Amino acid sequence: MININLSKFSKVPLYEQIIKEMKRNIISGELKEKERLPSIRQLAKDLEVSVITVKKAYENLEQEKFLMSIPSQGTYVADLDIDLIERKILAEIDAGIEQVIIKAKSIGLSSEEIVQRFSEKVEE
């Protein structure tokens, strides 16, 4: 069974939580390249979510090249370029940081105040 933790009380949609957890499992090596994954129906049953939710997560992960589906055989972890994935994640982090900086400066926070707030959140 795949280690996927979901919160039905989170504001984050379940399919996005599944995507995040699957990526974490793949990047950490818990799920190996070419490893067969549970069927959409089986994972939906295991996680107690709808088939549509898992289908949407699998489709998104396929589009992002984390998974590959082989007709009549199932869904597998794709051959991954971990360096490429890390660069992609770092680019997403940088984009998020840029948005935070823009918002912080719009209310007059100094660079030092932004760094301080960021440091506090990292420590939490």
PDB file of N, CA and C in Angstrom:
ATOM      1  N   MET A   1       0.840  -1.195   0.000  1.00  0.00           N
ATOM      2  CA  MET A   1       0.000   0.000   0.000  1.00  0.00           C
ATOM      3  C   MET A   1       0.875   1.245   0.000  1.00  0.00           C
ATOM      4  N   ILE A   2       0.477   2.238  -0.741  1.00  0.00           N
ATOM      5  CA  ILE A   2       1.197   3.500  -0.832  1.00  0.00           C
ATOM      6  C   ILE A   2       0.892   4.330   0.412  1.00  0.00           C
ATOM      7  N   ASN A   3       1.910   4.988   0.930  1.00  0.00           N
ATOM      8  CA  ASN A   3       1.752   5.841   2.101  1.00  0.00           C
ATOM      9  C   ASN A   3       1.221   7.204   1.661  1.00  0.00           C
ATOM     10  N   ILE A   4      -0.097   7.393   1.787  1.00  0.00           N
ATOM     11  CA  ILE A   4      -0.735   8.652   1.411  1.00  0.00           C
ATOM     12  C   ILE A   4      -1.582   9.124   2.583  1.00  0.00           C
ATOM     13  N   ASN A   5      -1.248  10.302   3.087  1.00  0.00           N
ATOM     14  CA  ASN A   5      -1.995  10.898   4.182  1.00  0.00           C
ATOM     15  C   ASN A   5      -2.885  12.006   3.640  1.00  0.00           C
ATOM     16  N   LEU A   6      -4.182  11.886   3.880  1.00  0.00           N
ATOM     17  CA  LEU A   6      -5.143  12.880   3.420  1.00  0.00           C
ATOM     18  C   LEU A   6      -5.877  13.483   4.606  1.00  0.00           C
ATOM     19  N   SER A   7      -6.276  14.725   4.439  1.00  0.00           N
ATOM     20  CA  SER A   7      -7.107  15.383   5.437  1.00  0.00           C
ATOM     21  C   SER A   7      -8.392  15.834   4.754  1.00  0.00           C
ATOM     22  N   LYS A   8      -9.478  15.254   5.164  1.00  0.00           N
ATOM     23  CA  LYS A   8     -10.771  15.626   4.587  1.00  0.00           C
ATOM     24  C   LYS A   8     -11.234  16.985   5.099  1.00  0.00           C
ATOM     25  N   PHE A   9     -10.506  17.539   6.073  1.00  0.00           N
ATOM     26  CA  PHE A   9     -10.853  18.850   6.638  1.00  0.00           C
ATOM     27  C   PHE A   9     -10.007  19.974   6.043  1.00  0.00           C
ATOM     28  N   SER A  10      -9.053  19.626   5.198  1.00  0.00           N
ATOM     29  CA  SER A  10      -8.175  20.618   4.580  1.00  0.00           C
ATOM     30  C   SER A  10      -8.924  21.395   3.513  1.00  0.00           C
ATOM     31  N   LYS A  11      -8.478  22.636   3.299  1.00  0.00           N
ATOM     32  CA  LYS A  11      -9.038  23.447   2.221  1.00  0.00           C
ATOM     33  C   LYS A  11      -8.481  23.000   0.867  1.00  0.00           C
ATOM     34  N   VAL A  12      -7.393  22.234   0.890  1.00  0.00           N
ATOM     35  CA  VAL A  12      -6.771  21.738  -0.339  1.00  0.00           C
ATOM     36  C   VAL A  12      -7.604  20.557  -0.846  1.00  0.00           C
ATOM     37  N   PRO A  13      -8.010  20.597  -2.121  1.00  0.00           N
ATOM     38  CA  PRO A  13      -8.810  19.494  -2.660  1.00  0.00           C
ATOM     39  C   PRO A  13      -8.094  18.149  -2.506  1.00  0.00           C
ATOM     40  N   LEU A  14      -8.868  17.090  -2.320  1.00  0.00           N
ATOM     41  CA  LEU A  14      -8.295  15.761  -2.102  1.00  0.00           C
ATOM     42  C   LEU A  14      -7.381  15.325  -3.238  1.00  0.00           C
ATOM     43  N   TYR A  15      -7.768  15.603  -4.492  1.00  0.00           N
ATOM     44  CA  TYR A  15      -6.930  15.172  -5.602  1.00  0.00           C
ATOM     45  C   TYR A  15      -5.560  15.854  -5.553  1.00  0.00           C
ATOM     46  N   GLU A  16      -5.519  17.126  -5.098  1.00  0.00           N
ATOM     47  CA  GLU A  16      -4.239  17.822  -4.970  1.00  0.00           C
ATOM     48  C   GLU A  16      -3.413  17.241  -3.832  1.00  0.00           C
ATOM     49  N   GLN A  17      -4.081  16.826  -2.770  1.00  0.00           N
ATOM     50  CA  GLN A  17      -3.370  16.176  -1.672  1.00  0.00           C
ATOM     51  C   GLN A  17      -2.764  14.849  -2.137  1.00  0.00           C
ATOM     52  N   ILE A  18      -3.517  14.101  -2.947  1.00  0.00           N
ATOM     53  CA  ILE A  18      -3.003  12.835  -3.484  1.00  0.00           C
ATOM     54  C   ILE A  18      -1.796  13.098  -4.370  1.00  0.00           C
ATOM     55  N   ILE A  19      -1.883  14.108  -5.231  1.00  0.00           N
ATOM     56  CA  ILE A  19      -0.765  14.466  -6.107  1.00  0.00           C
ATOM     57  C   ILE A  19       0.476  14.773  -5.279  1.00  0.00           C
ATOM     58  N   LYS A  20       0.310  15.612  -4.267  1.00  0.00           N
ATOM     59  CA  LYS A  20       1.436  15.999  -3.412  1.00  0.00           C
ATOM     60  C   LYS A  20       2.055  14.778  -2.732  1.00  0.00           C
ATOM     61  N   GLU A  21       1.216  13.913  -2.201  1.00  0.00           N
ATOM     62  CA  GLU A  21       1.704  12.724  -1.496  1.00  0.00           C
ATOM     63  C   GLU A  21       2.388  11.745  -2.454  1.00  0.00           C
ATOM     64  N   MET A  22       1.831  11.583  -3.647  1.00  0.00           N
ATOM     65  CA  MET A  22       2.449  10.687  -4.636  1.00  0.00           C
ATOM     66  C   MET A  22       3.814  11.220  -5.047  1.00  0.00           C
ATOM     67  N   LYS A  23       3.895  12.525  -5.296  1.00  0.00           N
ATOM     68  CA  LYS A  23       5.187  13.124  -5.656  1.00  0.00           C
ATOM     69  C   LYS A  23       6.202  12.914  -4.538  1.00  0.00           C
ATOM     70  N   ARG A  24       5.758  13.114  -3.297  1.00  0.00           N
ATOM     71  CA  ARG A  24       6.649  12.921  -2.151  1.00  0.00           C
ATOM     72  C   ARG A  24       7.164  11.485  -2.118  1.00  0.00           C
ATOM     73  N   ASN A  25       6.272  10.535  -2.334  1.00  0.00           N
ATOM     74  CA  ASN A  25       6.658   9.120  -2.341  1.00  0.00           C
ATOM     75  C   ASN A  25       7.639   8.792  -3.472  1.00  0.00           C
ATOM     76  N   ILE A  26       7.437   9.410  -4.610  1.00  0.00           N
ATOM     77  CA  ILE A  26       8.299   9.149  -5.768  1.00  0.00           C
ATOM     78  C   ILE A  26       9.662   9.792  -5.569  1.00  0.00           C
ATOM     79  N   ILE A  27       9.673  11.057  -5.189  1.00  0.00           N
ATOM     80  CA  ILE A  27      10.937  11.781  -5.040  1.00  0.00           C
ATOM     81  C   ILE A  27      11.779  11.191  -3.909  1.00  0.00           C
ATOM     82  N   SER A  28      11.130  10.734  -2.850  1.00  0.00           N
ATOM     83  CA  SER A  28      11.863  10.150  -1.714  1.00  0.00           C
ATOM     84  C   SER A  28      12.386   8.758  -2.029  1.00  0.00           C
ATOM     85  N   GLY A  29      11.892   8.154  -3.101  1.00  0.00           N
ATOM     86  CA  GLY A  29      12.328   6.814  -3.463  1.00  0.00           C
ATOM     87  C   GLY A  29      11.460   5.717  -2.853  1.00  0.00           C
ATOM     88  N   GLU A  30      10.445   6.116  -2.088  1.00  0.00           N
ATOM     89  CA  GLU A  30       9.529   5.133  -1.508  1.00  0.00           C
ATOM     90  C   GLU A  30       8.806   4.365  -2.621  1.00  0.00           C
ATOM     91  N   LEU A  31       8.471   5.080  -3.689  1.00  0.00           N
ATOM     92  CA  LEU A  31       7.959   4.443  -4.903  1.00  0.00           C
ATOM     93  C   LEU A  31       9.081   4.484  -5.933  1.00  0.00           C
ATOM     94  N   LYS A  32       9.397   3.344  -6.498  1.00  0.00           N
ATOM     95  CA  LYS A  32      10.521   3.227  -7.432  1.00  0.00           C
ATOM     96  C   LYS A  32      10.052   3.386  -8.880  1.00  0.00           C
ATOM     97  N   GLU A  33      11.005   3.765  -9.735  1.00  0.00           N
ATOM     98  CA  GLU A  33      10.712   3.849 -11.159  1.00  0.00           C
ATOM     99  C   GLU A  33      10.193   2.503 -11.652  1.00  0.00           C
ATOM    100  N   LYS A  34       9.201   2.559 -12.503  1.00  0.00           N
ATOM    101  CA  LYS A  34       8.556   1.410 -13.139  1.00  0.00           C
ATOM    102  C   LYS A  34       7.755   0.544 -12.169  1.00  0.00           C
ATOM    103  N   GLU A  35       7.574   1.019 -10.927  1.00  0.00           N
ATOM    104  CA  GLU A  35       6.762   0.273  -9.966  1.00  0.00           C
ATOM    105  C   GLU A  35       5.291   0.415 -10.336  1.00  0.00           C
ATOM    106  N   ARG A  36       4.584  -0.702 -10.288  1.00  0.00           N
ATOM    107  CA  ARG A  36       3.156  -0.684 -10.625  1.00  0.00           C
ATOM    108  C   ARG A  36       2.367  -0.113  -9.451  1.00  0.00           C
ATOM    109  N   LEU A  37       1.432   0.754  -9.781  1.00  0.00           N
ATOM    110  CA  LEU A  37       0.591   1.390  -8.773  1.00  0.00           C
ATOM    111  C   LEU A  37      -0.766   0.696  -8.699  1.00  0.00           C
ATOM    112  N   PRO A  38      -1.467   0.892  -7.599  1.00  0.00           N
ATOM    113  CA  PRO A  38      -2.817   0.321  -7.523  1.00  0.00           C
ATOM    114  C   PRO A  38      -3.705   0.920  -8.617  1.00  0.00           C
ATOM    115  N   SER A  39      -4.699   0.160  -9.011  1.00  0.00           N
ATOM    116  CA  SER A  39      -5.661   0.692  -9.983  1.00  0.00           C
ATOM    117  C   SER A  39      -6.364   1.892  -9.361  1.00  0.00           C
ATOM    118  N   ILE A  40      -6.974   2.685 -10.215  1.00  0.00           N
ATOM    119  CA  ILE A  40      -7.709   3.855  -9.742  1.00  0.00           C
ATOM    120  C   ILE A  40      -8.781   3.417  -8.746  1.00  0.00           C
ATOM    121  N   ARG A  41      -9.512   2.369  -9.089  1.00  0.00           N
ATOM    122  CA  ARG A  41     -10.574   1.887  -8.200  1.00  0.00           C
ATOM    123  C   ARG A  41     -10.025   1.401  -6.862  1.00  0.00           C
ATOM    124  N   GLN A  42      -8.917   0.667  -6.904  1.00  0.00           N
ATOM    125  CA  GLN A  42      -8.345   0.131  -5.671  1.00  0.00           C
ATOM    126  C   GLN A  42      -7.835   1.254  -4.766  1.00  0.00           C
ATOM    127  N   LEU A  43      -7.134   2.236  -5.357  1.00  0.00           N
ATOM    128  CA  LEU A  43      -6.617   3.329  -4.543  1.00  0.00           C
ATOM    129  C   LEU A  43      -7.767   4.159  -3.971  1.00  0.00           C
ATOM    130  N   ALA A  44      -8.816   4.366  -4.761  1.00  0.00           N
ATOM    131  CA  ALA A  44      -9.980   5.096  -4.263  1.00  0.00           C
ATOM    132  C   ALA A  44     -10.593   4.364  -3.065  1.00  0.00           C
ATOM    133  N   LYS A  45     -10.680   3.064  -3.162  1.00  0.00           N
ATOM    134  CA  LYS A  45     -11.221   2.259  -2.064  1.00  0.00           C
ATOM    135  C   LYS A  45     -10.312   2.357  -0.840  1.00  0.00           C
ATOM    136  N   ASP A  46      -9.003   2.209  -1.052  1.00  0.00           N
ATOM    137  CA  ASP A  46      -8.038   2.266   0.056  1.00  0.00           C
ATOM    138  C   ASP A  46      -8.071   3.615   0.772  1.00  0.00           C
ATOM    139  N   LEU A  47      -8.216   4.694  -0.010  1.00  0.00           N
ATOM    140  CA  LEU A  47      -8.190   6.046   0.562  1.00  0.00           C
ATOM    141  C   LEU A  47      -9.576   6.542   0.978  1.00  0.00           C
ATOM    142  N   GLU A  48     -10.577   5.764   0.630  1.00  0.00           N
ATOM    143  CA  GLU A  48     -11.961   6.125   0.917  1.00  0.00           C
ATOM    144  C   GLU A  48     -12.348   7.461   0.280  1.00  0.00           C
ATOM    145  N   VAL A  49     -12.009   7.581  -1.009  1.00  0.00           N
ATOM    146  CA  VAL A  49     -12.372   8.750  -1.805  1.00  0.00           C
ATOM    147  C   VAL A  49     -13.021   8.255  -3.092  1.00  0.00           C
ATOM    148  N   SER A  50     -13.532   9.175  -3.879  1.00  0.00           N
ATOM    149  CA  SER A  50     -14.194   8.763  -5.113  1.00  0.00           C
ATOM    150  C   SER A  50     -13.170   8.370  -6.180  1.00  0.00           C
ATOM    151  N   VAL A  51     -13.626   7.539  -7.088  1.00  0.00           N
ATOM    152  CA  VAL A  51     -12.807   7.122  -8.223  1.00  0.00           C
ATOM    153  C   VAL A  51     -12.410   8.343  -9.046  1.00  0.00           C
ATOM    154  N   ILE A  52     -13.315   9.300  -9.181  1.00  0.00           N
ATOM    155  CA  ILE A  52     -13.049  10.510  -9.957  1.00  0.00           C
ATOM    156  C   ILE A  52     -11.880  11.294  -9.360  1.00  0.00           C
ATOM    157  N   THR A  53     -11.802  11.328  -8.041  1.00  0.00           N
ATOM    158  CA  THR A  53     -10.718  12.047  -7.358  1.00  0.00           C
ATOM    159  C   THR A  53      -9.368  11.425  -7.694  1.00  0.00           C
ATOM    160  N   VAL A  54      -9.279  10.111  -7.602  1.00  0.00           N
ATOM    161  CA  VAL A  54      -8.017   9.419  -7.900  1.00  0.00           C
ATOM    162  C   VAL A  54      -7.692   9.525  -9.385  1.00  0.00           C
ATOM    163  N   LYS A  55      -8.710   9.401 -10.226  1.00  0.00           N
ATOM    164  CA  LYS A  55      -8.495   9.511 -11.676  1.00  0.00           C
ATOM    165  C   LYS A  55      -7.893  10.872 -12.024  1.00  0.00           C
ATOM    166  N   LYS A  56      -8.439  11.928 -11.415  1.00  0.00           N
ATOM    167  CA  LYS A  56      -7.930  13.277 -11.670  1.00  0.00           C
ATOM    168  C   LYS A  56      -6.473  13.400 -11.210  1.00  0.00           C
ATOM    169  N   ALA A  57      -6.153  12.832 -10.046  1.00  0.00           N
ATOM    170  CA  ALA A  57      -4.781  12.878  -9.540  1.00  0.00           C
ATOM    171  C   ALA A  57      -3.839  12.118 -10.478  1.00  0.00           C
ATOM    172  N   TYR A  58      -4.223  10.912 -10.876  1.00  0.00           N
ATOM    173  CA  TYR A  58      -3.380  10.119 -11.779  1.00  0.00           C
ATOM    174  C   TYR A  58      -3.174  10.859 -13.104  1.00  0.00           C
ATOM    175  N   GLU A  59      -4.234  11.450 -13.645  1.00  0.00           N
ATOM    176  CA  GLU A  59      -4.113  12.170 -14.917  1.00  0.00           C
ATOM    177  C   GLU A  59      -3.151  13.349 -14.798  1.00  0.00           C
ATOM    178  N   ASN A  60      -3.254  14.095 -13.700  1.00  0.00           N
ATOM    179  CA  ASN A  60      -2.339  15.220 -13.492  1.00  0.00           C
ATOM    180  C   ASN A  60      -0.901  14.737 -13.354  1.00  0.00           C
ATOM    181  N   LEU A  61      -0.709  13.664 -12.616  1.00  0.00           N
ATOM    182  CA  LEU A  61       0.644  13.122 -12.437  1.00  0.00           C
ATOM    183  C   LEU A  61       1.207  12.591 -13.760  1.00  0.00           C
ATOM    184  N   GLU A  62       0.336  12.068 -14.608  1.00  0.00           N
ATOM    185  CA  GLU A  62       0.782  11.633 -15.936  1.00  0.00           C
ATOM    186  C   GLU A  62       1.204  12.827 -16.792  1.00  0.00           C
ATOM    187  N   GLN A  63       0.412  13.892 -16.741  1.00  0.00           N
ATOM    188  CA  GLN A  63       0.746  15.095 -17.505  1.00  0.00           C
ATOM    189  C   GLN A  63       2.085  15.680 -17.055  1.00  0.00           C
ATOM    190  N   GLU A  64       2.369  15.556 -15.765  1.00  0.00           N
ATOM    191  CA  GLU A  64       3.628  16.071 -15.227  1.00  0.00           C
ATOM    192  C   GLU A  64       4.773  15.073 -15.359  1.00  0.00           C
ATOM    193  N   LYS A  65       4.504  13.928 -16.002  1.00  0.00           N
ATOM    194  CA  LYS A  65       5.510  12.900 -16.295  1.00  0.00           C
ATOM    195  C   LYS A  65       5.998  12.142 -15.063  1.00  0.00           C
ATOM    196  N   PHE A  66       5.204  12.123 -13.997  1.00  0.00           N
ATOM    197  CA  PHE A  66       5.554  11.318 -12.821  1.00  0.00           C
ATOM    198  C   PHE A  66       5.047   9.888 -12.986  1.00  0.00           C
ATOM    199  N   LEU A  67       3.944   9.718 -13.717  1.00  0.00           N
ATOM    200  CA  LEU A  67       3.353   8.408 -13.938  1.00  0.00           C
ATOM    201  C   LEU A  67       3.195   8.148 -15.422  1.00  0.00           C
ATOM    202  N   MET A  68       3.062   6.859 -15.749  1.00  0.00           N
ATOM    203  CA  MET A  68       2.752   6.471 -17.129  1.00  0.00           C
ATOM    204  C   MET A  68       1.734   5.348 -17.075  1.00  0.00           C
ATOM    205  N   SER A  69       0.756   5.421 -17.970  1.00  0.00           N
ATOM    206  CA  SER A  69      -0.264   4.376 -18.051  1.00  0.00           C
ATOM    207  C   SER A  69      -0.027   3.559 -19.295  1.00  0.00           C
ATOM    208  N   ILE A  70      -0.134   2.263 -19.136  1.00  0.00           N
ATOM    209  CA  ILE A  70      -0.007   1.350 -20.265  1.00  0.00           C
ATOM    210  C   ILE A  70      -1.365   0.663 -20.401  1.00  0.00           C
ATOM    211  N   PRO A  71      -2.030   0.872 -21.545  1.00  0.00           N
ATOM    212  CA  PRO A  71      -3.360   0.292 -21.719  1.00  0.00           C
ATOM    213  C   PRO A  71      -3.380  -1.209 -21.421  1.00  0.00           C
ATOM    214  N   SER A  72      -4.372  -1.629 -20.696  1.00  0.00           N
ATOM    215  CA  SER A  72      -4.605  -3.020 -20.299  1.00  0.00           C
ATOM    216  C   SER A  72      -3.549  -3.579 -19.344  1.00  0.00           C
ATOM    217  N   GLN A  73      -2.601  -2.744 -18.899  1.00  0.00           N
ATOM    218  CA  GLN A  73      -1.567  -3.240 -17.991  1.00  0.00           C
ATOM    219  C   GLN A  73      -1.521  -2.479 -16.676  1.00  0.00           C
ATOM    220  N   GLY A  74      -1.917  -1.214 -16.679  1.00  0.00           N
ATOM    221  CA  GLY A  74      -1.943  -0.465 -15.445  1.00  0.00           C
ATOM    222  C   GLY A  74      -1.154   0.822 -15.486  1.00  0.00           C
ATOM    223  N   THR A  75      -0.978   1.400 -14.306  1.00  0.00           N
ATOM    224  CA  THR A  75      -0.269   2.669 -14.157  1.00  0.00           C
ATOM    225  C   THR A  75       1.010   2.420 -13.381  1.00  0.00           C
ATOM    226  N   TYR A  76       2.088   3.033 -13.849  1.00  0.00           N
ATOM    227  CA  TYR A  76       3.416   2.813 -13.284  1.00  0.00           C
ATOM    228  C   TYR A  76       4.099   4.152 -12.993  1.00  0.00           C
ATOM    229  N   VAL A  77       5.065   4.100 -12.084  1.00  0.00           N
ATOM    230  CA  VAL A  77       5.918   5.258 -11.861  1.00  0.00           C
ATOM    231  C   VAL A  77       6.782   5.401 -13.115  1.00  0.00           C
ATOM    232  N   ALA A  78       6.864   6.595 -13.649  1.00  0.00           N
ATOM    233  CA  ALA A  78       7.613   6.845 -14.880  1.00  0.00           C
ATOM    234  C   ALA A  78       9.117   6.829 -14.618  1.00  0.00           C
ATOM    235  N   ASP A  79       9.878   6.670 -15.698  1.00  0.00           N
ATOM    236  CA  ASP A  79      11.326   6.844 -15.609  1.00  0.00           C
ATOM    237  C   ASP A  79      11.551   8.319 -15.330  1.00  0.00           C
ATOM    238  N   LEU A  80      12.238   8.599 -14.260  1.00  0.00           N
ATOM    239  CA  LEU A  80      12.334   9.981 -13.817  1.00  0.00           C
ATOM    240  C   LEU A  80      13.732  10.543 -13.962  1.00  0.00           C
ATOM    241  N   ASP A  81      13.761  11.830 -14.253  1.00  0.00           N
ATOM    242  CA  ASP A  81      14.993  12.601 -14.214  1.00  0.00           C
ATOM    243  C   ASP A  81      14.897  13.444 -12.939  1.00  0.00           C
ATOM    244  N   ILE A  82      15.448  12.922 -11.844  1.00  0.00           N
ATOM    245  CA  ILE A  82      15.318  13.575 -10.541  1.00  0.00           C
ATOM    246  C   ILE A  82      15.867  14.999 -10.576  1.00  0.00           C
ATOM    247  N   ASP A  83      16.960  15.232 -11.306  1.00  0.00           N
ATOM    248  CA  ASP A  83      17.514  16.589 -11.410  1.00  0.00           C
ATOM    249  C   ASP A  83      16.496  17.537 -12.038  1.00  0.00           C
ATOM    250  N   LEU A  84      15.828  17.073 -13.074  1.00  0.00           N
ATOM    251  CA  LEU A  84      14.801  17.891 -13.734  1.00  0.00           C
ATOM    252  C   LEU A  84      13.646  18.174 -12.771  1.00  0.00           C
ATOM    253  N   ILE A  85      13.235  17.162 -12.050  1.00  0.00           N
ATOM    254  CA  ILE A  85      12.146  17.339 -11.083  1.00  0.00           C
ATOM    255  C   ILE A  85      12.549  18.346 -10.015  1.00  0.00           C
ATOM    256  N   GLU A  86      13.765  18.216  -9.489  1.00  0.00           N
ATOM    257  CA  GLU A  86      14.230  19.153  -8.467  1.00  0.00           C
ATOM    258  C   GLU A  86      14.283  20.577  -9.006  1.00  0.00           C
ATOM    259  N   ARG A  87      14.744  20.752 -10.253  1.00  0.00           N
ATOM    260  CA  ARG A  87      14.784  22.087 -10.858  1.00  0.00           C
ATOM    261  C   ARG A  87      13.376  22.657 -10.998  1.00  0.00           C
ATOM    262  N   LYS A  88      12.422  21.793 -11.369  1.00  0.00           N
ATOM    263  CA  LYS A  88      11.032  22.218 -11.510  1.00  0.00           C
ATOM    264  C   LYS A  88      10.461  22.665 -10.167  1.00  0.00           C
ATOM    265  N   ILE A  89      10.737  21.889  -9.140  1.00  0.00           N
ATOM    266  CA  ILE A  89      10.239  22.215  -7.801  1.00  0.00           C
ATOM    267  C   ILE A  89      10.869  23.513  -7.310  1.00  0.00           C
ATOM    268  N   LEU A  90      12.170  23.672  -7.532  1.00  0.00           N
ATOM    269  CA  LEU A  90      12.835  24.912  -7.124  1.00  0.00           C
ATOM    270  C   LEU A  90      12.261  26.115  -7.865  1.00  0.00           C
ATOM    271  N   ALA A  91      11.923  25.942  -9.135  1.00  0.00           N
ATOM    272  CA  ALA A  91      11.313  27.034  -9.900  1.00  0.00           C
ATOM    273  C   ALA A  91       9.947  27.397  -9.311  1.00  0.00           C
ATOM    274  N   GLU A  92       9.173  26.375  -8.902  1.00  0.00           N
ATOM    275  CA  GLU A  92       7.872  26.634  -8.266  1.00  0.00           C
ATOM    276  C   GLU A  92       8.060  27.363  -6.938  1.00  0.00           C
ATOM    277  N   ILE A  93       9.068  26.948  -6.166  1.00  0.00           N
ATOM    278  CA  ILE A  93       9.356  27.604  -4.887  1.00  0.00           C
ATOM    279  C   ILE A  93       9.727  29.060  -5.128  1.00  0.00           C
ATOM    280  N   ASP A  94      10.610  29.290  -6.096  1.00  0.00           N
ATOM    281  CA  ASP A  94      11.026  30.662  -6.408  1.00  0.00           C
ATOM    282  C   ASP A  94       9.831  31.527  -6.816  1.00  0.00           C
ATOM    283  N   ALA A  95       8.938  30.967  -7.619  1.00  0.00           N
ATOM    284  CA  ALA A  95       7.752  31.721  -8.047  1.00  0.00           C
ATOM    285  C   ALA A  95       6.881  32.066  -6.841  1.00  0.00           C
ATOM    286  N   GLY A  96       6.730  31.125  -5.928  1.00  0.00           N
ATOM    287  CA  GLY A  96       5.948  31.377  -4.722  1.00  0.00           C
ATOM    288  C   GLY A  96       6.583  32.441  -3.844  1.00  0.00           C
ATOM    289  N   ILE A  97       7.898  32.372  -3.706  1.00  0.00           N
ATOM    290  CA  ILE A  97       8.612  33.368  -2.904  1.00  0.00           C
ATOM    291  C   ILE A  97       8.457  34.753  -3.529  1.00  0.00           C
ATOM    292  N   GLU A  98       8.546  34.823  -4.848  1.00  0.00           N
ATOM    293  CA  GLU A  98       8.389  36.115  -5.535  1.00  0.00           C
ATOM    294  C   GLU A  98       7.005  36.707  -5.257  1.00  0.00           C
ATOM    295  N   GLN A  99       5.977  35.871  -5.277  1.00  0.00           N
ATOM    296  CA  GLN A  99       4.621  36.353  -4.992  1.00  0.00           C
ATOM    297  C   GLN A  99       4.520  36.877  -3.561  1.00  0.00           C
ATOM    298  N   VAL A 100       5.137  36.163  -2.628  1.00  0.00           N
ATOM    299  CA  VAL A 100       5.116  36.593  -1.225  1.00  0.00           C
ATOM    300  C   VAL A 100       5.835  37.933  -1.074  1.00  0.00           C
ATOM    301  N   ILE A 101       6.970  38.077  -1.726  1.00  0.00           N
ATOM    302  CA  ILE A 101       7.738  39.327  -1.642  1.00  0.00           C
ATOM    303  C   ILE A 101       6.922  40.492  -2.191  1.00  0.00           C
ATOM    304  N   ILE A 102       6.266  40.287  -3.311  1.00  0.00           N
ATOM    305  CA  ILE A 102       5.436  41.345  -3.910  1.00  0.00           C
ATOM    306  C   ILE A 102       4.325  41.754  -2.945  1.00  0.00           C
ATOM    307  N   LYS A 103       3.649  40.767  -2.338  1.00  0.00           N
ATOM    308  CA  LYS A 103       2.581  41.068  -1.378  1.00  0.00           C
ATOM    309  C   LYS A 103       3.143  41.788  -0.155  1.00  0.00           C
ATOM    310  N   ALA A 104       4.277  41.305   0.343  1.00  0.00           N
ATOM    311  CA  ALA A 104       4.876  41.908   1.544  1.00  0.00           C
ATOM    312  C   ALA A 104       5.285  43.355   1.291  1.00  0.00           C
ATOM    313  N   LYS A 105       5.881  43.613   0.144  1.00  0.00           N
ATOM    314  CA  LYS A 105       6.306  44.979  -0.178  1.00  0.00           C
ATOM    315  C   LYS A 105       5.109  45.888  -0.412  1.00  0.00           C
ATOM    316  N   SER A 106       3.984  45.300  -0.861  1.00  0.00           N
ATOM    317  CA  SER A 106       2.795  46.121  -1.119  1.00  0.00           C
ATOM    318  C   SER A 106       2.215  46.694   0.176  1.00  0.00           C
ATOM    319  N   ILE A 107       2.547  46.073   1.323  1.00  0.00           N
ATOM    320  CA  ILE A 107       2.085  46.622   2.607  1.00  0.00           C
ATOM    321  C   ILE A 107       3.233  47.271   3.382  1.00  0.00           C
ATOM    322  N   GLY A 108       4.364  47.462   2.689  1.00  0.00           N
ATOM    323  CA  GLY A 108       5.461  48.225   3.271  1.00  0.00           C
ATOM    324  C   GLY A 108       6.447  47.461   4.131  1.00  0.00           C
ATOM    325  N   LEU A 109       6.437  46.123   4.079  1.00  0.00           N
ATOM    326  CA  LEU A 109       7.427  45.376   4.864  1.00  0.00           C
ATOM    327  C   LEU A 109       8.820  45.556   4.259  1.00  0.00           C
ATOM    328  N   SER A 110       9.806  45.685   5.127  1.00  0.00           N
ATOM    329  CA  SER A 110      11.194  45.797   4.670  1.00  0.00           C
ATOM    330  C   SER A 110      11.735  44.398   4.357  1.00  0.00           C
ATOM    331  N   SER A 111      12.865  44.362   3.694  1.00  0.00           N
ATOM    332  CA  SER A 111      13.514  43.079   3.394  1.00  0.00           C
ATOM    333  C   SER A 111      13.796  42.312   4.675  1.00  0.00           C
ATOM    334  N   GLU A 112      14.253  43.022   5.704  1.00  0.00           N
ATOM    335  CA  GLU A 112      14.564  42.378   6.974  1.00  0.00           C
ATOM    336  C   GLU A 112      13.312  41.768   7.605  1.00  0.00           C
ATOM    337  N   GLU A 113      12.188  42.493   7.529  1.00  0.00           N
ATOM    338  CA  GLU A 113      10.937  41.989   8.091  1.00  0.00           C
ATOM    339  C   GLU A 113      10.442  40.758   7.324  1.00  0.00           C
ATOM    340  N   ILE A 114      10.614  40.779   6.019  1.00  0.00           N
ATOM    341  CA  ILE A 114      10.213  39.634   5.194  1.00  0.00           C
ATOM    342  C   ILE A 114      11.044  38.418   5.571  1.00  0.00           C
ATOM    343  N   VAL A 115      12.364  38.604   5.669  1.00  0.00           N
ATOM    344  CA  VAL A 115      13.260  37.498   6.027  1.00  0.00           C
ATOM    345  C   VAL A 115      12.914  36.980   7.422  1.00  0.00           C
ATOM    346  N   GLN A 116      12.642  37.876   8.353  1.00  0.00           N
ATOM    347  CA  GLN A 116      12.293  37.486   9.722  1.00  0.00           C
ATOM    348  C   GLN A 116      11.022  36.632   9.740  1.00  0.00           C
ATOM    349  N   ARG A 117      10.004  37.071   9.014  1.00  0.00           N
ATOM    350  CA  ARG A 117       8.741  36.328   8.971  1.00  0.00           C
ATOM    351  C   ARG A 117       8.953  34.961   8.328  1.00  0.00           C
ATOM    352  N   PHE A 118       9.754  34.933   7.276  1.00  0.00           N
ATOM    353  CA  PHE A 118      10.045  33.683   6.597  1.00  0.00           C
ATOM    354  C   PHE A 118      10.776  32.732   7.543  1.00  0.00           C
ATOM    355  N   SER A 119      11.773  33.240   8.252  1.00  0.00           N
ATOM    356  CA  SER A 119      12.550  32.426   9.200  1.00  0.00           C
ATOM    357  C   SER A 119      11.649  31.852  10.287  1.00  0.00           C
ATOM    358  N   GLU A 120      10.738  32.663  10.786  1.00  0.00           N
ATOM    359  CA  GLU A 120       9.804  32.200  11.819  1.00  0.00           C
ATOM    360  C   GLU A 120       8.938  31.041  11.306  1.00  0.00           C
ATOM    361  N   LYS A 121       8.487  31.135  10.073  1.00  0.00           N
ATOM    362  CA  LYS A 121       7.647  30.085   9.502  1.00  0.00           C
ATOM    363  C   LYS A 121       8.450  28.812   9.275  1.00  0.00           C
ATOM    364  N   VAL A 122       9.691  28.957   8.873  1.00  0.00           N
ATOM    365  CA  VAL A 122      10.538  27.785   8.650  1.00  0.00           C
ATOM    366  C   VAL A 122      10.736  27.040   9.967  1.00  0.00           C
ATOM    367  N   GLU A 123      10.867  27.778  11.060  1.00  0.00           N
ATOM    368  CA  GLU A 123      11.102  27.176  12.372  1.00  0.00           C
ATOM    369  C   GLU A 123       9.861  26.484  12.942  1.00  0.00           C
ATOM    370  N   GLU A 124       8.671  26.847  12.447  1.00  0.00           N
ATOM    371  CA  GLU A 124       7.425  26.253  12.974  1.00  0.00           C
ATOM    372  C   GLU A 124       7.314  24.783  12.655  1.00  0.00           C
TER     373      GLU A 124
END
